[in-house]
Amino acid sequence: MATASQKGKMLEAIEASFGSINKAAGMAGIHVSTHYRWMKEDPSYADQADYMKDVSFRKVKDKLLDKALEKIDKGDTFILSRMMTIYLKNIPGEMDRVSYHNNVRLVPKIRYIDTREEAQEIMRKEGRMPNKND
């Protein structure tokens, strides 16, 4: 049976490996299949692993975005054009579809989060991540 310590190491490794499960398993000293078995057997672990993978992907996305913005600041219009295409392409249509189906007019609202701890606290309040004391 897996210990909480082994699972904790794997969760930390997921973040450290930017979401690469194979690399994280190696870092944690477990086989990849062990991670996936834990995912099936332990819903709390599965939620935390998914959360850590999401955090990792966001970090990668943020780094890529920072690099792209640096290029834009240096006058790279191709990058600016691609960024606008990617980020602005589907927003109005998606909002209209959701508004129509829910009979509610949607207004874009962006919520910026500065730290991992702040993101975890928000997720705990929304019931998407277990409390530290649980």
C-alpha atoms as a PDB file:
ATOM      1  CA  MET A   1       0.000   0.000   0.000  1.00  0.00           C
ATOM      2  CA  ALA A   2       1.260   3.462  -0.876  1.00  0.00           C
ATOM      3  CA  THR A   3       2.202   5.830   1.853  1.00  0.00           C
ATOM      4  CA  ALA A   4       1.116   9.431   1.983  1.00  0.00           C
ATOM      5  CA  SER A   5       4.808  10.295   1.759  1.00  0.00           C
ATOM      6  CA  GLN A   6       5.203   8.460  -1.582  1.00  0.00           C
ATOM      7  CA  LYS A   7       2.124  10.166  -2.984  1.00  0.00           C
ATOM      8  CA  GLY A   8       3.351  13.531  -1.733  1.00  0.00           C
ATOM      9  CA  LYS A   9       6.704  13.009  -3.453  1.00  0.00           C
ATOM     10  CA  MET A  10       4.922  12.156  -6.685  1.00  0.00           C
ATOM     11  CA  LEU A  11       2.740  15.271  -6.478  1.00  0.00           C
ATOM     12  CA  GLU A  12       5.810  17.448  -5.927  1.00  0.00           C
ATOM     13  CA  ALA A  13       7.567  15.700  -8.807  1.00  0.00           C
ATOM     14  CA  ILE A  14       4.611  16.357 -11.124  1.00  0.00           C
ATOM     15  CA  GLU A  15       5.002  20.055 -10.485  1.00  0.00           C
ATOM     16  CA  ALA A  16       8.796  19.963 -10.740  1.00  0.00           C
ATOM     17  CA  SER A  17       8.643  18.085 -14.053  1.00  0.00           C
ATOM     18  CA  PHE A  18       6.116  20.546 -15.522  1.00  0.00           C
ATOM     19  CA  GLY A  19       3.414  17.865 -15.663  1.00  0.00           C
ATOM     20  CA  SER A  20       5.442  15.061 -17.256  1.00  0.00           C
ATOM     21  CA  ILE A  21       4.122  11.941 -15.535  1.00  0.00           C
ATOM     22  CA  ASN A  22       6.944   9.713 -16.833  1.00  0.00           C
ATOM     23  CA  LYS A  23       9.615  12.093 -15.583  1.00  0.00           C
ATOM     24  CA  ALA A  24       7.780  12.682 -12.285  1.00  0.00           C
ATOM     25  CA  ALA A  25       7.472   8.946 -11.631  1.00  0.00           C
ATOM     26  CA  GLY A  26      11.214   8.558 -12.136  1.00  0.00           C
ATOM     27  CA  MET A  27      11.900  11.472  -9.804  1.00  0.00           C
ATOM     28  CA  ALA A  28       9.586   9.993  -7.158  1.00  0.00           C
ATOM     29  CA  GLY A  29      11.059   6.507  -7.516  1.00  0.00           C
ATOM     30  CA  ILE A  30       7.837   4.807  -8.601  1.00  0.00           C
ATOM     31  CA  HIS A  31       6.631   3.141 -11.778  1.00  0.00           C
ATOM     32  CA  VAL A  32       4.262   5.135 -13.989  1.00  0.00           C
ATOM     33  CA  SER A  33       1.584   2.445 -13.572  1.00  0.00           C
ATOM     34  CA  THR A  34       1.695   3.039  -9.800  1.00  0.00           C
ATOM     35  CA  HIS A  35       0.692   6.652 -10.349  1.00  0.00           C
ATOM     36  CA  TYR A  36      -2.223   5.640 -12.566  1.00  0.00           C
ATOM     37  CA  ARG A  37      -3.318   2.977 -10.058  1.00  0.00           C
ATOM     38  CA  TRP A  38      -3.308   5.620  -7.321  1.00  0.00           C
ATOM     39  CA  MET A  39      -5.370   7.851  -9.615  1.00  0.00           C
ATOM     40  CA  LYS A  40      -8.042   5.116  -9.888  1.00  0.00           C
ATOM     41  CA  GLU A  41      -7.967   4.050  -6.229  1.00  0.00           C
ATOM     42  CA  ASP A  42      -7.677   7.416  -4.471  1.00  0.00           C
ATOM     43  CA  PRO A  43     -10.000  10.223  -5.649  1.00  0.00           C
ATOM     44  CA  SER A  44      -8.257  12.756  -3.407  1.00  0.00           C
ATOM     45  CA  TYR A  45      -4.873  11.893  -4.911  1.00  0.00           C
ATOM     46  CA  ALA A  46      -6.378  12.023  -8.403  1.00  0.00           C
ATOM     47  CA  ASP A  47      -7.741  15.519  -7.752  1.00  0.00           C
ATOM     48  CA  GLN A  48      -4.417  16.723  -6.383  1.00  0.00           C
ATOM     49  CA  ALA A  49      -2.447  15.167  -9.258  1.00  0.00           C
ATOM     50  CA  ASP A  50      -4.758  16.750 -11.827  1.00  0.00           C
ATOM     51  CA  TYR A  51      -4.433  20.074 -10.024  1.00  0.00           C
ATOM     52  CA  MET A  52      -0.617  19.859  -9.952  1.00  0.00           C
ATOM     53  CA  LYS A  53      -0.529  18.952 -13.636  1.00  0.00           C
ATOM     54  CA  ASP A  54      -2.761  21.949 -14.382  1.00  0.00           C
ATOM     55  CA  VAL A  55      -0.528  24.241 -12.308  1.00  0.00           C
ATOM     56  CA  SER A  56       2.484  22.918 -14.196  1.00  0.00           C
ATOM     57  CA  PHE A  57       0.901  23.486 -17.587  1.00  0.00           C
ATOM     58  CA  ARG A  58      -0.014  27.015 -16.542  1.00  0.00           C
ATOM     59  CA  LYS A  59       3.592  27.675 -15.566  1.00  0.00           C
ATOM     60  CA  VAL A  60       4.778  26.479 -18.966  1.00  0.00           C
ATOM     61  CA  LYS A  61       2.109  28.570 -20.680  1.00  0.00           C
ATOM     62  CA  ASP A  62       3.121  31.616 -18.625  1.00  0.00           C
ATOM     63  CA  LYS A  63       6.795  31.157 -19.548  1.00  0.00           C
ATOM     64  CA  LEU A  64       5.901  30.853 -23.220  1.00  0.00           C
ATOM     65  CA  LEU A  65       3.680  33.902 -22.961  1.00  0.00           C
ATOM     66  CA  ASP A  66       6.474  35.895 -21.293  1.00  0.00           C
ATOM     67  CA  LYS A  67       8.871  34.952 -24.096  1.00  0.00           C
ATOM     68  CA  ALA A  68       6.296  35.889 -26.733  1.00  0.00           C
ATOM     69  CA  LEU A  69       5.647  39.245 -25.050  1.00  0.00           C
ATOM     70  CA  GLU A  70       9.392  39.933 -24.966  1.00  0.00           C
ATOM     71  CA  LYS A  71       9.514  39.352 -28.727  1.00  0.00           C
ATOM     72  CA  ILE A  72       6.481  41.596 -29.227  1.00  0.00           C
ATOM     73  CA  ASP A  73       8.183  44.345 -27.190  1.00  0.00           C
ATOM     74  CA  LYS A  74      11.156  44.034 -29.543  1.00  0.00           C
ATOM     75  CA  GLY A  75       8.865  44.638 -32.529  1.00  0.00           C
ATOM     76  CA  ASP A  76       8.100  41.104 -33.718  1.00  0.00           C
ATOM     77  CA  THR A  77       4.770  41.678 -35.464  1.00  0.00           C
ATOM     78  CA  PHE A  78       4.429  38.022 -36.497  1.00  0.00           C
ATOM     79  CA  ILE A  79       4.317  36.944 -32.852  1.00  0.00           C
ATOM     80  CA  LEU A  80       1.813  39.710 -32.074  1.00  0.00           C
ATOM     81  CA  SER A  81      -0.397  38.576 -34.933  1.00  0.00           C
ATOM     82  CA  ARG A  82      -0.271  34.916 -33.809  1.00  0.00           C
ATOM     83  CA  MET A  83      -0.991  35.843 -30.186  1.00  0.00           C
ATOM     84  CA  MET A  84      -4.043  37.852 -31.158  1.00  0.00           C
ATOM     85  CA  THR A  85      -5.288  35.007 -33.353  1.00  0.00           C
ATOM     86  CA  ILE A  86      -4.850  32.466 -30.578  1.00  0.00           C
ATOM     87  CA  TYR A  87      -6.253  34.480 -27.691  1.00  0.00           C
ATOM     88  CA  LEU A  88      -9.022  36.446 -29.336  1.00  0.00           C
ATOM     89  CA  LYS A  89     -10.273  34.063 -32.017  1.00  0.00           C
ATOM     90  CA  ASN A  90     -13.173  32.305 -30.295  1.00  0.00           C
ATOM     91  CA  ILE A  91     -14.080  34.467 -27.330  1.00  0.00           C
ATOM     92  CA  PRO A  92     -17.107  36.346 -28.759  1.00  0.00           C
ATOM     93  CA  GLY A  93     -18.682  33.274 -30.380  1.00  0.00           C
ATOM     94  CA  GLU A  94     -18.201  31.114 -27.301  1.00  0.00           C
ATOM     95  CA  MET A  95     -19.707  33.759 -25.043  1.00  0.00           C
ATOM     96  CA  ASP A  96     -22.703  34.159 -27.345  1.00  0.00           C
ATOM     97  CA  ARG A  97     -23.310  30.376 -27.405  1.00  0.00           C
ATOM     98  CA  VAL A  98     -23.123  30.086 -23.625  1.00  0.00           C
ATOM     99  CA  SER A  99     -25.338  33.158 -23.201  1.00  0.00           C
ATOM    100  CA  TYR A 100     -27.927  31.698 -25.566  1.00  0.00           C
ATOM    101  CA  HIS A 101     -28.018  28.282 -23.878  1.00  0.00           C
ATOM    102  CA  ASN A 102     -28.132  29.672 -20.346  1.00  0.00           C
ATOM    103  CA  ASN A 103     -30.366  32.628 -21.148  1.00  0.00           C
ATOM    104  CA  VAL A 104     -27.867  34.885 -19.370  1.00  0.00           C
ATOM    105  CA  ARG A 105     -25.803  37.654 -20.931  1.00  0.00           C
ATOM    106  CA  LEU A 106     -22.116  37.009 -20.238  1.00  0.00           C
ATOM    107  CA  VAL A 107     -19.528  39.704 -19.739  1.00  0.00           C
ATOM    108  CA  PRO A 108     -15.844  38.749 -19.806  1.00  0.00           C
ATOM    109  CA  LYS A 109     -14.232  38.731 -16.379  1.00  0.00           C
ATOM    110  CA  ILE A 110     -10.578  37.969 -15.915  1.00  0.00           C
ATOM    111  CA  ARG A 111      -9.326  36.978 -12.494  1.00  0.00           C
ATOM    112  CA  TYR A 112      -5.570  37.249 -12.108  1.00  0.00           C
ATOM    113  CA  ILE A 113      -3.867  35.085  -9.507  1.00  0.00           C
ATOM    114  CA  ASP A 114      -0.330  35.900  -8.458  1.00  0.00           C
ATOM    115  CA  THR A 115       0.746  32.936  -6.354  1.00  0.00           C
ATOM    116  CA  ARG A 116       0.268  29.198  -6.184  1.00  0.00           C
ATOM    117  CA  GLU A 117      -0.995  29.550  -2.611  1.00  0.00           C
ATOM    118  CA  GLU A 118      -3.665  32.007  -3.738  1.00  0.00           C
ATOM    119  CA  ALA A 119      -4.778  29.586  -6.465  1.00  0.00           C
ATOM    120  CA  GLN A 120      -4.915  26.707  -3.971  1.00  0.00           C
ATOM    121  CA  GLU A 121      -6.975  28.763  -1.517  1.00  0.00           C
ATOM    122  CA  ILE A 122      -9.466  29.695  -4.237  1.00  0.00           C
ATOM    123  CA  MET A 123      -9.745  26.058  -5.304  1.00  0.00           C
ATOM    124  CA  ARG A 124     -10.285  24.972  -1.677  1.00  0.00           C
ATOM    125  CA  LYS A 125     -13.066  27.543  -1.276  1.00  0.00           C
ATOM    126  CA  GLU A 126     -14.680  26.307  -4.492  1.00  0.00           C
ATOM    127  CA  GLY A 127     -14.422  22.709  -3.290  1.00  0.00           C
ATOM    128  CA  ARG A 128     -12.045  21.641  -6.064  1.00  0.00           C
ATOM    129  CA  MET A 129      -9.095  20.887  -3.770  1.00  0.00           C
ATOM    130  CA  PRO A 130      -9.051  19.273  -0.311  1.00  0.00           C
ATOM    131  CA  ASN A 131      -8.118  21.330   2.735  1.00  0.00           C
ATOM    132  CA  LYS A 132      -4.612  20.888   4.132  1.00  0.00           C
ATOM    133  CA  ASN A 133      -6.092  19.600   7.399  1.00  0.00           C
ATOM    134  CA  ASP A 134      -8.199  16.871   5.777  1.00  0.00           C
END
